[in-house]
Amino acid sequence: MSTKRLIVCGGNGFLGSRICKYAVSRGWEVTSISRSGEPKWNTVTSSDKPPQWARKVTWERADILRPATYAPLLKGADFVVHTLGILLEANYKNVIRGQESPIAGLRKAFTSAPQPGNPLERNVRDDNTDQDIRPPETKEQLTYENMNRDSAIMLAKEAAREDVSAFVYISAAGGAPVLPARYITTKREAESAIASEFPRMRGIFFRPPFLYDSSRPITIPMAAMTGLGAAFNGFTRGVLGGFMGAAGVKPLKADVVAEAVVEALGDPAVKGPVEVAEIEELANKSWRKTMV
């Protein structure tokens, strides 16, 4: 059986790097695509040194908003994963680092912004390295539309062109009371467009809850709070589930989701939306294989 080839867009991130790790453990050929190449390891693991498995990953640089920069890297791929997205239209990483106030970030996020159609509807060209998929009205911005939706749709288009057999899009279990509705609606729009426009490619839409790991300490208390929300949601039988969104869903460790993604790619029966319970089942299935 030939070695599987996986492309992970956003492979140097919190979840993407773990997907790379589990794919390497299966003997797959793995390429990460991001703007910065190899991760700053202390931002995704507990060490500032690369782990052993990282030497088996090819760390490429490209711009997800300019398809011509990454399209050549998809040739010969069996699977493609899109892990990129934004929580706030402000630079939330700057908020976390203290370079921008949370109030300013939220103000930007809830301010009305142009909401143009997706790149397929706008007939965006992808054969020019200078071609940015963002429309003129949001050319200088990172919006929910261009990051959560359009970058995924264009990546899926390029993947389908290369006859990739399966495409994973990391969506979300739901929104949250503190996030604009467009955060989750753009993710659902991406799922719908990919499923309908590229039916020959097995589309898998992961809907994970809040992710945590001890290597990123800030996620631990946030996961605890989300866990309380999930417990409350269960106690009230989901009365406020629609309002709470992902804040009312049990959080998962990032490794669980990463392992489940790799398991789903390798299982031809998995397609369509993958909710939290199925994510856990897939991760357990993968774990049991290592015990045989």
C-alpha atoms as a PDB file:
ATOM      1  CA  MET A   1       0.000   0.000   0.000  1.00  0.00           C
ATOM      2  CA  SER A   2       1.426   3.382  -1.002  1.00  0.00           C
ATOM      3  CA  THR A   3       2.277   5.995   1.607  1.00  0.00           C
ATOM      4  CA  LYS A   4      -0.466   8.569   2.123  1.00  0.00           C
ATOM      5  CA  ARG A   5       0.415  12.219   1.549  1.00  0.00           C
ATOM      6  CA  LEU A   6      -1.199  14.838   3.795  1.00  0.00           C
ATOM      7  CA  ILE A   7      -1.198  18.623   3.475  1.00  0.00           C
ATOM      8  CA  VAL A   8      -2.118  20.614   6.600  1.00  0.00           C
ATOM      9  CA  CYS A   9      -2.834  24.295   6.045  1.00  0.00           C
ATOM     10  CA  GLY A  10      -2.096  25.901   9.373  1.00  0.00           C
ATOM     11  CA  GLY A  11       0.100  22.959  10.333  1.00  0.00           C
ATOM     12  CA  ASN A  12       2.270  25.090  12.601  1.00  0.00           C
ATOM     13  CA  GLY A  13      -0.644  26.022  14.871  1.00  0.00           C
ATOM     14  CA  PHE A  14      -2.063  24.684  18.136  1.00  0.00           C
ATOM     15  CA  LEU A  15      -4.263  22.016  16.484  1.00  0.00           C
ATOM     16  CA  GLY A  16      -2.520  21.762  13.106  1.00  0.00           C
ATOM     17  CA  SER A  17       0.843  20.787  14.589  1.00  0.00           C
ATOM     18  CA  ARG A  18      -0.816  17.940  16.482  1.00  0.00           C
ATOM     19  CA  ILE A  19      -2.519  16.710  13.333  1.00  0.00           C
ATOM     20  CA  CYS A  20       0.922  16.608  11.724  1.00  0.00           C
ATOM     21  CA  LYS A  21       2.240  14.623  14.695  1.00  0.00           C
ATOM     22  CA  TYR A  22      -0.424  11.913  14.506  1.00  0.00           C
ATOM     23  CA  ALA A  23      -0.149  11.657  10.713  1.00  0.00           C
ATOM     24  CA  VAL A  24       3.632  11.169  11.007  1.00  0.00           C
ATOM     25  CA  SER A  25       3.032   8.403  13.567  1.00  0.00           C
ATOM     26  CA  ARG A  26       1.111   6.516  10.855  1.00  0.00           C
ATOM     27  CA  GLY A  27       4.006   6.769   8.457  1.00  0.00           C
ATOM     28  CA  TRP A  28       2.295   9.360   6.247  1.00  0.00           C
ATOM     29  CA  GLU A  29       4.204  11.950   4.265  1.00  0.00           C
ATOM     30  CA  VAL A  30       3.232  15.281   5.837  1.00  0.00           C
ATOM     31  CA  THR A  31       3.579  18.863   4.614  1.00  0.00           C
ATOM     32  CA  SER A  32       2.567  21.904   6.646  1.00  0.00           C
ATOM     33  CA  ILE A  33       1.657  25.132   4.875  1.00  0.00           C
ATOM     34  CA  SER A  34       1.646  28.450   6.722  1.00  0.00           C
ATOM     35  CA  ARG A  35       2.931  31.974   6.321  1.00  0.00           C
ATOM     36  CA  SER A  36       5.768  31.450   8.807  1.00  0.00           C
ATOM     37  CA  GLY A  37       6.890  27.863   8.126  1.00  0.00           C
ATOM     38  CA  GLU A  38       8.033  25.860  11.147  1.00  0.00           C
ATOM     39  CA  PRO A  39       6.277  26.655  14.445  1.00  0.00           C
ATOM     40  CA  LYS A  40       7.681  28.629  17.311  1.00  0.00           C
ATOM     41  CA  TRP A  41       7.602  25.510  19.391  1.00  0.00           C
ATOM     42  CA  ASN A  42       7.040  27.147  22.759  1.00  0.00           C
ATOM     43  CA  THR A  43       3.696  28.456  21.451  1.00  0.00           C
ATOM     44  CA  VAL A  44       2.332  24.997  20.587  1.00  0.00           C
ATOM     45  CA  THR A  45       4.213  22.661  22.962  1.00  0.00           C
ATOM     46  CA  SER A  46       5.748  22.851  26.444  1.00  0.00           C
ATOM     47  CA  SER A  47       9.283  23.124  25.010  1.00  0.00           C
ATOM     48  CA  ASP A  48      11.087  25.606  22.781  1.00  0.00           C
ATOM     49  CA  LYS A  49      12.827  22.746  20.976  1.00  0.00           C
ATOM     50  CA  PRO A  50      11.253  20.807  18.069  1.00  0.00           C
ATOM     51  CA  PRO A  51      10.054  17.287  18.945  1.00  0.00           C
ATOM     52  CA  GLN A  52      11.472  14.278  17.132  1.00  0.00           C
ATOM     53  CA  TRP A  53       8.465  13.844  14.836  1.00  0.00           C
ATOM     54  CA  ALA A  54       8.857  17.426  13.516  1.00  0.00           C
ATOM     55  CA  ARG A  55      11.913  16.371  11.520  1.00  0.00           C
ATOM     56  CA  LYS A  56       9.633  14.223   9.365  1.00  0.00           C
ATOM     57  CA  VAL A  57       7.368  17.148   8.389  1.00  0.00           C
ATOM     58  CA  THR A  58       8.092  19.437   5.460  1.00  0.00           C
ATOM     59  CA  TRP A  59       7.454  22.995   6.668  1.00  0.00           C
ATOM     60  CA  GLU A  60       6.438  25.150   3.683  1.00  0.00           C
ATOM     61  CA  ARG A  61       5.577  28.843   3.483  1.00  0.00           C
ATOM     62  CA  ALA A  62       2.620  30.168   1.503  1.00  0.00           C
ATOM     63  CA  ASP A  63      -0.295  32.591   1.852  1.00  0.00           C
ATOM     64  CA  ILE A  64      -3.742  31.011   2.300  1.00  0.00           C
ATOM     65  CA  LEU A  65      -5.286  34.168   0.834  1.00  0.00           C
ATOM     66  CA  ARG A  66      -3.269  33.773  -2.397  1.00  0.00           C
ATOM     67  CA  PRO A  67      -4.034  30.315  -3.829  1.00  0.00           C
ATOM     68  CA  ALA A  68      -1.305  30.457  -6.481  1.00  0.00           C
ATOM     69  CA  THR A  69       1.297  30.436  -3.689  1.00  0.00           C
ATOM     70  CA  TYR A  70       0.181  27.074  -2.296  1.00  0.00           C
ATOM     71  CA  ALA A  71      -1.484  25.311  -5.250  1.00  0.00           C
ATOM     72  CA  PRO A  72       1.753  23.639  -6.480  1.00  0.00           C
ATOM     73  CA  LEU A  73       2.223  22.078  -3.033  1.00  0.00           C
ATOM     74  CA  LEU A  74      -1.039  20.139  -3.331  1.00  0.00           C
ATOM     75  CA  LYS A  75       0.106  18.017  -6.269  1.00  0.00           C
ATOM     76  CA  GLY A  76       0.040  14.331  -5.426  1.00  0.00           C
ATOM     77  CA  ALA A  77      -1.762  14.854  -2.106  1.00  0.00           C
ATOM     78  CA  ASP A  78      -4.243  12.264  -0.842  1.00  0.00           C
ATOM     79  CA  PHE A  79      -5.655  14.419   1.950  1.00  0.00           C
ATOM     80  CA  VAL A  80      -5.865  18.144   2.717  1.00  0.00           C
ATOM     81  CA  VAL A  81      -6.781  19.760   6.048  1.00  0.00           C
ATOM     82  CA  HIS A  82      -7.778  23.403   6.646  1.00  0.00           C
ATOM     83  CA  THR A  83      -7.236  24.459  10.281  1.00  0.00           C
ATOM     84  CA  LEU A  84      -7.152  28.238   9.893  1.00  0.00           C
ATOM     85  CA  GLY A  85      -9.698  30.715  11.211  1.00  0.00           C
ATOM     86  CA  ILE A  86     -10.241  33.683  13.490  1.00  0.00           C
ATOM     87  CA  LEU A  87     -12.281  34.135  16.669  1.00  0.00           C
ATOM     88  CA  LEU A  88     -12.387  37.915  16.411  1.00  0.00           C
ATOM     89  CA  GLU A  89     -11.997  40.180  13.432  1.00  0.00           C
ATOM     90  CA  ALA A  90      -9.613  42.102  15.646  1.00  0.00           C
ATOM     91  CA  ASN A  91      -6.211  40.533  16.023  1.00  0.00           C
ATOM     92  CA  TYR A  92      -7.138  38.279  18.969  1.00  0.00           C
ATOM     93  CA  LYS A  93      -3.525  37.154  19.328  1.00  0.00           C
ATOM     94  CA  ASN A  94      -2.607  40.758  20.059  1.00  0.00           C
ATOM     95  CA  VAL A  95      -5.419  40.832  22.636  1.00  0.00           C
ATOM     96  CA  ILE A  96      -3.977  37.744  24.356  1.00  0.00           C
ATOM     97  CA  ARG A  97      -0.474  39.240  24.254  1.00  0.00           C
ATOM     98  CA  GLY A  98      -1.751  42.510  25.724  1.00  0.00           C
ATOM     99  CA  GLN A  99      -0.945  44.518  22.585  1.00  0.00           C
ATOM    100  CA  GLU A 100      -4.608  45.382  22.049  1.00  0.00           C
ATOM    101  CA  SER A 101      -7.348  45.811  24.637  1.00  0.00           C
ATOM    102  CA  PRO A 102     -10.155  43.221  24.773  1.00  0.00           C
ATOM    103  CA  ILE A 103     -12.719  46.024  24.564  1.00  0.00           C
ATOM    104  CA  ALA A 104     -11.158  47.350  21.351  1.00  0.00           C
ATOM    105  CA  GLY A 105     -11.100  43.831  19.950  1.00  0.00           C
ATOM    106  CA  LEU A 106     -14.750  43.204  20.733  1.00  0.00           C
ATOM    107  CA  ARG A 107     -15.734  46.601  19.359  1.00  0.00           C
ATOM    108  CA  LYS A 108     -14.104  45.741  16.038  1.00  0.00           C
ATOM    109  CA  ALA A 109     -15.718  42.317  15.995  1.00  0.00           C
ATOM    110  CA  PHE A 110     -19.258  43.601  16.487  1.00  0.00           C
ATOM    111  CA  THR A 111     -18.915  46.547  14.098  1.00  0.00           C
ATOM    112  CA  SER A 112     -20.812  45.984  10.863  1.00  0.00           C
ATOM    113  CA  ALA A 113     -18.506  45.140   7.979  1.00  0.00           C
ATOM    114  CA  PRO A 114     -19.105  44.462   4.285  1.00  0.00           C
ATOM    115  CA  GLN A 115     -20.200  40.856   3.729  1.00  0.00           C
ATOM    116  CA  PRO A 116     -19.497  40.001   0.076  1.00  0.00           C
ATOM    117  CA  GLY A 117     -20.248  36.625  -1.513  1.00  0.00           C
ATOM    118  CA  ASN A 118     -17.810  33.746  -1.419  1.00  0.00           C
ATOM    119  CA  PRO A 119     -14.973  33.565  -3.999  1.00  0.00           C
ATOM    120  CA  LEU A 120     -16.826  31.073  -6.201  1.00  0.00           C
ATOM    121  CA  GLU A 121     -19.742  33.481  -6.466  1.00  0.00           C
ATOM    122  CA  ARG A 122     -17.320  36.322  -7.197  1.00  0.00           C
ATOM    123  CA  ASN A 123     -15.402  34.241  -9.790  1.00  0.00           C
ATOM    124  CA  VAL A 124     -12.077  34.908  -8.081  1.00  0.00           C
ATOM    125  CA  ARG A 125      -9.105  33.917 -10.253  1.00  0.00           C
ATOM    126  CA  ASP A 126      -6.416  31.724  -8.744  1.00  0.00           C
ATOM    127  CA  ASP A 127      -3.688  31.672 -11.380  1.00  0.00           C
ATOM    128  CA  ASN A 128      -1.811  34.815 -10.358  1.00  0.00           C
ATOM    129  CA  THR A 129       0.511  34.916  -7.347  1.00  0.00           C
ATOM    130  CA  ASP A 130      -0.535  38.512  -6.709  1.00  0.00           C
ATOM    131  CA  GLN A 131      -4.243  37.607  -6.685  1.00  0.00           C
ATOM    132  CA  ASP A 132      -5.707  37.967  -3.194  1.00  0.00           C
ATOM    133  CA  ILE A 133      -9.075  36.291  -2.660  1.00  0.00           C
ATOM    134  CA  ARG A 134     -10.337  39.178  -0.533  1.00  0.00           C
ATOM    135  CA  PRO A 135     -12.767  41.546  -2.262  1.00  0.00           C
ATOM    136  CA  PRO A 136     -11.832  45.243  -2.609  1.00  0.00           C
ATOM    137  CA  GLU A 137     -14.068  46.343   0.260  1.00  0.00           C
ATOM    138  CA  THR A 138     -12.211  44.129   2.791  1.00  0.00           C
ATOM    139  CA  LYS A 139      -8.836  43.990   1.050  1.00  0.00           C
ATOM    140  CA  GLU A 140      -6.864  45.138   4.085  1.00  0.00           C
ATOM    141  CA  GLN A 141      -8.827  43.191   6.690  1.00  0.00           C
ATOM    142  CA  LEU A 142      -9.027  39.705   8.139  1.00  0.00           C
ATOM    143  CA  THR A 143     -12.778  39.102   8.340  1.00  0.00           C
ATOM    144  CA  TYR A 144     -14.878  36.089   9.220  1.00  0.00           C
ATOM    145  CA  GLU A 145     -15.834  35.871   5.561  1.00  0.00           C
ATOM    146  CA  ASN A 146     -12.342  35.797   4.106  1.00  0.00           C
ATOM    147  CA  MET A 147     -10.659  33.711   6.829  1.00  0.00           C
ATOM    148  CA  ASN A 148     -13.305  31.318   8.155  1.00  0.00           C
ATOM    149  CA  ARG A 149     -15.142  30.843   4.860  1.00  0.00           C
ATOM    150  CA  ASP A 150     -13.378  31.965   1.704  1.00  0.00           C
ATOM    151  CA  SER A 151      -9.883  30.639   2.432  1.00  0.00           C
ATOM    152  CA  ALA A 152     -11.371  27.180   3.052  1.00  0.00           C
ATOM    153  CA  ILE A 153     -13.524  27.223  -0.075  1.00  0.00           C
ATOM    154  CA  MET A 154     -10.602  28.213  -2.287  1.00  0.00           C
ATOM    155  CA  LEU A 155      -8.345  25.594  -0.715  1.00  0.00           C
ATOM    156  CA  ALA A 156     -11.047  22.982  -1.348  1.00  0.00           C
ATOM    157  CA  LYS A 157     -11.294  24.149  -4.966  1.00  0.00           C
ATOM    158  CA  GLU A 158      -7.553  23.682  -5.467  1.00  0.00           C
ATOM    159  CA  ALA A 159      -7.642  20.322  -3.683  1.00  0.00           C
ATOM    160  CA  ALA A 160     -10.500  19.085  -5.878  1.00  0.00           C
ATOM    161  CA  ARG A 161      -8.572  20.171  -8.952  1.00  0.00           C
ATOM    162  CA  GLU A 162      -5.723  17.885  -7.843  1.00  0.00           C
ATOM    163  CA  ASP A 163      -8.131  14.967  -7.253  1.00  0.00           C
ATOM    164  CA  VAL A 164      -7.536  14.933  -3.507  1.00  0.00           C
ATOM    165  CA  SER A 165      -9.674  12.142  -2.057  1.00  0.00           C
ATOM    166  CA  ALA A 166     -10.602  13.728   1.297  1.00  0.00           C
ATOM    167  CA  PHE A 167     -10.736  17.263   2.668  1.00  0.00           C
ATOM    168  CA  VAL A 168     -11.099  18.142   6.352  1.00  0.00           C
ATOM    169  CA  TYR A 169     -12.381  21.551   7.367  1.00  0.00           C
ATOM    170  CA  ILE A 170     -12.037  22.466  11.041  1.00  0.00           C
ATOM    171  CA  SER A 171     -15.333  24.171  11.798  1.00  0.00           C
ATOM    172  CA  ALA A 172     -16.759  24.622  15.318  1.00  0.00           C
ATOM    173  CA  ALA A 173     -19.377  23.132  17.612  1.00  0.00           C
ATOM    174  CA  GLY A 174     -21.126  26.481  17.763  1.00  0.00           C
ATOM    175  CA  GLY A 175     -20.740  30.161  18.407  1.00  0.00           C
ATOM    176  CA  ALA A 176     -20.662  31.800  21.833  1.00  0.00           C
ATOM    177  CA  PRO A 177     -22.515  34.645  23.551  1.00  0.00           C
ATOM    178  CA  VAL A 178     -19.441  36.904  23.313  1.00  0.00           C
ATOM    179  CA  LEU A 179     -18.905  36.304  19.579  1.00  0.00           C
ATOM    180  CA  PRO A 180     -20.808  37.798  16.634  1.00  0.00           C
ATOM    181  CA  ALA A 181     -23.164  35.365  14.903  1.00  0.00           C
ATOM    182  CA  ARG A 182     -21.037  35.661  11.762  1.00  0.00           C
ATOM    183  CA  TYR A 183     -18.293  33.661  13.456  1.00  0.00           C
ATOM    184  CA  ILE A 184     -20.335  30.466  13.182  1.00  0.00           C
ATOM    185  CA  THR A 185     -22.477  31.338  10.149  1.00  0.00           C
ATOM    186  CA  THR A 186     -19.379  31.778   7.974  1.00  0.00           C
ATOM    187  CA  LYS A 187     -18.127  28.366   9.104  1.00  0.00           C
ATOM    188  CA  ARG A 188     -21.443  26.734   8.249  1.00  0.00           C
ATOM    189  CA  GLU A 189     -21.423  28.534   4.876  1.00  0.00           C
ATOM    190  CA  ALA A 190     -17.977  27.069   4.184  1.00  0.00           C
ATOM    191  CA  GLU A 191     -19.197  23.555   5.033  1.00  0.00           C
ATOM    192  CA  SER A 192     -22.213  23.929   2.743  1.00  0.00           C
ATOM    193  CA  ALA A 193     -20.257  25.346  -0.191  1.00  0.00           C
ATOM    194  CA  ILE A 194     -17.521  22.697  -0.012  1.00  0.00           C
ATOM    195  CA  ALA A 195     -20.044  19.847   0.208  1.00  0.00           C
ATOM    196  CA  SER A 196     -22.174  21.102  -2.690  1.00  0.00           C
ATOM    197  CA  GLU A 197     -19.478  22.386  -5.044  1.00  0.00           C
ATOM    198  CA  PHE A 198     -16.989  19.514  -4.739  1.00  0.00           C
ATOM    199  CA  PRO A 199     -19.124  16.356  -4.327  1.00  0.00           C
ATOM    200  CA  ARG A 200     -16.451  13.991  -5.734  1.00  0.00           C
ATOM    201  CA  MET A 201     -14.130  14.894  -2.852  1.00  0.00           C
ATOM    202  CA  ARG A 202     -14.994  13.413   0.551  1.00  0.00           C
ATOM    203  CA  GLY A 203     -15.725  16.460   2.675  1.00  0.00           C
ATOM    204  CA  ILE A 204     -15.307  16.038   6.441  1.00  0.00           C
ATOM    205  CA  PHE A 205     -16.401  18.916   8.660  1.00  0.00           C
ATOM    206  CA  PHE A 206     -15.090  18.696  12.204  1.00  0.00           C
ATOM    207  CA  ARG A 207     -17.107  20.647  14.763  1.00  0.00           C
ATOM    208  CA  PRO A 208     -14.897  20.649  17.854  1.00  0.00           C
ATOM    209  CA  PRO A 209     -15.651  22.488  21.098  1.00  0.00           C
ATOM    210  CA  PHE A 210     -13.141  24.612  23.000  1.00  0.00           C
ATOM    211  CA  LEU A 211      -9.683  22.995  22.855  1.00  0.00           C
ATOM    212  CA  TYR A 212      -7.174  22.923  25.683  1.00  0.00           C
ATOM    213  CA  ASP A 213      -3.725  21.599  26.542  1.00  0.00           C
ATOM    214  CA  SER A 214      -1.338  22.070  29.453  1.00  0.00           C
ATOM    215  CA  SER A 215       1.296  23.398  27.033  1.00  0.00           C
ATOM    216  CA  ARG A 216      -0.916  26.465  26.672  1.00  0.00           C
ATOM    217  CA  PRO A 217      -1.736  27.296  30.322  1.00  0.00           C
ATOM    218  CA  ILE A 218      -4.352  29.956  29.547  1.00  0.00           C
ATOM    219  CA  THR A 219      -6.573  27.260  28.029  1.00  0.00           C
ATOM    220  CA  ILE A 220      -6.875  25.265  31.288  1.00  0.00           C
ATOM    221  CA  PRO A 221      -9.018  27.702  33.327  1.00  0.00           C
ATOM    222  CA  MET A 222     -10.984  28.556  30.187  1.00  0.00           C
ATOM    223  CA  ALA A 223     -11.670  24.851  29.653  1.00  0.00           C
ATOM    224  CA  ALA A 224     -12.800  24.559  33.279  1.00  0.00           C
ATOM    225  CA  MET A 225     -15.269  27.395  32.767  1.00  0.00           C
ATOM    226  CA  THR A 226     -16.521  25.808  29.548  1.00  0.00           C
ATOM    227  CA  GLY A 227     -16.861  22.497  31.374  1.00  0.00           C
ATOM    228  CA  LEU A 228     -19.092  24.161  33.951  1.00  0.00           C
ATOM    229  CA  GLY A 229     -21.151  25.593  31.114  1.00  0.00           C
ATOM    230  CA  ALA A 230     -21.483  22.131  29.609  1.00  0.00           C
ATOM    231  CA  ALA A 231     -22.554  20.699  32.965  1.00  0.00           C
ATOM    232  CA  PHE A 232     -25.160  23.448  33.360  1.00  0.00           C
ATOM    233  CA  ASN A 233     -26.372  22.840  29.818  1.00  0.00           C
ATOM    234  CA  GLY A 234     -26.755  19.151  30.579  1.00  0.00           C
ATOM    235  CA  PHE A 235     -28.532  19.814  33.890  1.00  0.00           C
ATOM    236  CA  THR A 236     -31.040  22.116  32.191  1.00  0.00           C
ATOM    237  CA  ARG A 237     -31.409  19.673  29.292  1.00  0.00           C
ATOM    238  CA  GLY A 238     -30.086  22.175  26.789  1.00  0.00           C
ATOM    239  CA  VAL A 239     -32.676  24.882  27.444  1.00  0.00           C
ATOM    240  CA  LEU A 240     -30.009  27.544  26.819  1.00  0.00           C
ATOM    241  CA  GLY A 241     -27.965  25.466  24.379  1.00  0.00           C
ATOM    242  CA  GLY A 242     -28.725  27.687  21.411  1.00  0.00           C
ATOM    243  CA  PHE A 243     -27.681  30.791  23.335  1.00  0.00           C
ATOM    244  CA  MET A 244     -24.545  29.283  24.890  1.00  0.00           C
ATOM    245  CA  GLY A 245     -23.244  27.670  21.693  1.00  0.00           C
ATOM    246  CA  ALA A 246     -19.779  26.154  22.132  1.00  0.00           C
ATOM    247  CA  ALA A 247     -19.642  27.605  25.655  1.00  0.00           C
ATOM    248  CA  GLY A 248     -22.156  24.909  26.617  1.00  0.00           C
ATOM    249  CA  VAL A 249     -20.262  21.988  25.085  1.00  0.00           C
ATOM    250  CA  LYS A 250     -17.720  19.843  26.926  1.00  0.00           C
ATOM    251  CA  PRO A 251     -14.175  20.977  25.996  1.00  0.00           C
ATOM    252  CA  LEU A 252     -11.725  18.511  24.486  1.00  0.00           C
ATOM    253  CA  LYS A 253      -7.970  18.169  24.659  1.00  0.00           C
ATOM    254  CA  ALA A 254      -6.368  19.315  21.405  1.00  0.00           C
ATOM    255  CA  ASP A 255      -4.651  15.925  20.958  1.00  0.00           C
ATOM    256  CA  VAL A 256      -8.027  14.158  21.000  1.00  0.00           C
ATOM    257  CA  VAL A 257      -9.291  16.217  18.078  1.00  0.00           C
ATOM    258  CA  ALA A 258      -6.011  15.895  16.160  1.00  0.00           C
ATOM    259  CA  GLU A 259      -5.985  12.114  16.538  1.00  0.00           C
ATOM    260  CA  ALA A 260      -9.633  11.962  15.453  1.00  0.00           C
ATOM    261  CA  VAL A 261      -8.898  14.020  12.322  1.00  0.00           C
ATOM    262  CA  VAL A 262      -6.211  11.588  11.193  1.00  0.00           C
ATOM    263  CA  GLU A 263      -8.463   8.610  11.947  1.00  0.00           C
ATOM    264  CA  ALA A 264     -11.305  10.186   9.938  1.00  0.00           C
ATOM    265  CA  LEU A 265      -9.060  10.786   6.946  1.00  0.00           C
ATOM    266  CA  GLY A 266      -8.048   7.137   6.924  1.00  0.00           C
ATOM    267  CA  ASP A 267     -11.643   5.869   7.160  1.00  0.00           C
ATOM    268  CA  PRO A 268     -13.549   6.141   3.846  1.00  0.00           C
ATOM    269  CA  ALA A 269     -16.863   5.850   5.701  1.00  0.00           C
ATOM    270  CA  VAL A 270     -16.426   9.162   7.518  1.00  0.00           C
ATOM    271  CA  LYS A 271     -17.866  12.190   5.742  1.00  0.00           C
ATOM    272  CA  GLY A 272     -19.986  15.248   6.426  1.00  0.00           C
ATOM    273  CA  PRO A 273     -20.297  16.965   9.834  1.00  0.00           C
ATOM    274  CA  VAL A 274     -18.424  15.323  12.716  1.00  0.00           C
ATOM    275  CA  GLU A 275     -19.860  16.392  16.058  1.00  0.00           C
ATOM    276  CA  VAL A 276     -18.208  16.173  19.480  1.00  0.00           C
ATOM    277  CA  ALA A 277     -19.407  12.647  20.354  1.00  0.00           C
ATOM    278  CA  GLU A 278     -18.117  11.265  17.058  1.00  0.00           C
ATOM    279  CA  ILE A 279     -14.818  13.099  17.502  1.00  0.00           C
ATOM    280  CA  GLU A 280     -14.316  11.237  20.782  1.00  0.00           C
ATOM    281  CA  GLU A 281     -15.321   7.936  19.167  1.00  0.00           C
ATOM    282  CA  LEU A 282     -12.814   8.415  16.344  1.00  0.00           C
ATOM    283  CA  ALA A 283     -10.029   9.280  18.790  1.00  0.00           C
ATOM    284  CA  ASN A 284     -10.823   6.193  20.874  1.00  0.00           C
ATOM    285  CA  LYS A 285     -10.846   4.047  17.740  1.00  0.00           C
ATOM    286  CA  SER A 286      -7.410   5.372  16.818  1.00  0.00           C
ATOM    287  CA  TRP A 287      -6.102   4.789  20.355  1.00  0.00           C
ATOM    288  CA  ARG A 288      -7.360   1.186  20.347  1.00  0.00           C
ATOM    289  CA  LYS A 289      -5.404   0.513  17.149  1.00  0.00           C
ATOM    290  CA  THR A 290      -2.174   1.434  18.943  1.00  0.00           C
ATOM    291  CA  MET A 291      -2.996  -1.095  21.667  1.00  0.00           C
ATOM    292  CA  VAL A 292      -3.268  -4.042  19.284  1.00  0.00           C
END
